[in-house]
Protein backbone atom coordinates (compact mmCIF):
# COMPACT_ATOMS: atom_id res chain seq x y z
CA GLU A 1 -48.36 94.42 -29.18
CA VAL A 2 -48.71 91.05 -27.52
CA GLU A 3 -50.03 87.91 -29.18
CA LEU A 4 -50.58 84.42 -27.85
CA SER A 5 -48.73 81.68 -29.67
CA SER A 6 -50.21 78.25 -30.37
CA ASP A 7 -48.80 76.92 -27.09
CA GLY A 8 -50.44 79.73 -25.10
CA SER A 9 -47.29 81.71 -24.30
CA ALA A 10 -47.16 85.44 -24.90
CA VAL A 11 -45.24 86.63 -27.95
CA ASN A 12 -44.03 90.21 -28.18
CA THR A 13 -44.23 91.28 -31.83
CA GLY A 14 -42.85 94.77 -31.29
CA PRO A 15 -39.22 95.84 -31.78
CA LYS A 16 -38.13 94.37 -28.43
CA GLY A 17 -39.77 91.06 -29.29
CA VAL A 18 -38.07 90.98 -32.68
CA ILE A 19 -34.70 91.72 -31.08
CA ASN A 20 -35.26 89.02 -28.44
CA ASP A 21 -36.32 86.55 -31.12
CA TRP A 22 -33.18 87.36 -33.11
CA ARG A 23 -30.97 86.86 -30.06
CA ARG A 24 -32.64 83.54 -29.29
CA PHE A 25 -32.27 82.45 -32.92
CA LYS A 26 -28.55 83.29 -32.91
CA GLN A 27 -28.08 81.50 -29.59
CA LEU A 28 -29.78 78.36 -30.92
CA GLU A 29 -27.77 78.62 -34.15
CA THR A 30 -24.52 78.80 -32.17
CA GLU A 31 -25.50 75.85 -29.97
CA GLN A 32 -26.40 73.80 -33.03
CA ARG A 33 -23.09 74.64 -34.71
CA GLN A 34 -21.17 73.62 -31.57
CA GLU A 35 -23.08 70.33 -31.36
CA GLN A 36 -22.34 69.63 -35.02
CA ARG A 37 -18.66 70.34 -34.42
CA ARG A 38 -18.58 67.97 -31.43
CA GLU A 39 -20.33 65.28 -33.46
CA MET A 40 -17.88 65.77 -36.33
CA GLU A 41 -14.94 65.42 -33.92
CA ARG A 42 -16.44 62.21 -32.49
CA LEU A 43 -16.83 60.80 -35.99
CA ILE A 44 -13.30 61.79 -36.95
CA LYS A 45 -11.90 60.06 -33.89
CA LYS A 46 -14.03 57.01 -34.51
CA LEU A 47 -13.18 56.70 -38.19
CA SER A 48 -9.55 57.78 -38.09
CA MET A 49 -7.00 55.12 -38.72
CA THR A 50 -4.59 54.35 -35.97
CA CYS A 51 -1.08 53.32 -36.66
CA ARG A 52 0.97 51.13 -34.38
CA SER A 53 4.68 50.67 -34.69
CA HIS A 54 6.41 47.32 -34.68
CA LEU A 55 7.81 48.20 -31.25
CA ASP A 56 4.26 48.78 -29.90
CA GLU A 57 3.16 45.40 -31.21
CA GLU A 58 6.19 43.66 -29.70
CA THR A 59 5.55 45.33 -26.33
CA ASP A 60 1.93 44.17 -26.40
CA LYS A 61 2.98 40.64 -27.32
CA GLN A 62 5.44 40.61 -24.42
CA LYS A 63 2.77 41.83 -22.00
CA GLN A 64 0.34 39.18 -23.26
CA LYS A 65 3.01 36.52 -22.84
CA GLU A 66 3.79 37.64 -19.26
CA LEU A 67 0.09 37.71 -18.42
CA GLN A 68 -0.40 34.23 -19.84
CA GLU A 69 2.57 32.97 -17.80
CA LYS A 70 1.07 34.46 -14.62
CA ILE A 71 -2.26 32.80 -15.38
CA ASN A 72 -0.65 29.44 -16.08
CA GLY A 73 1.63 29.71 -13.05
CA LYS A 74 -1.26 30.08 -10.59
């Protein structure tokens, strides 16, 4: 049996159509789950606290100082 959906496309309501619909549903479900996982990872990275050691801060201060000296020297 073939029906026309509201958008005018043909819809197979027989066993093959049901199987195809199920496959499409599972594919969309998987894609949605993957997108949610990626979004969750982005949020985790964005909201995670970063920790810097005293040595990292000293290195950055030294680099800033050297950069400032180069700027002032020119």
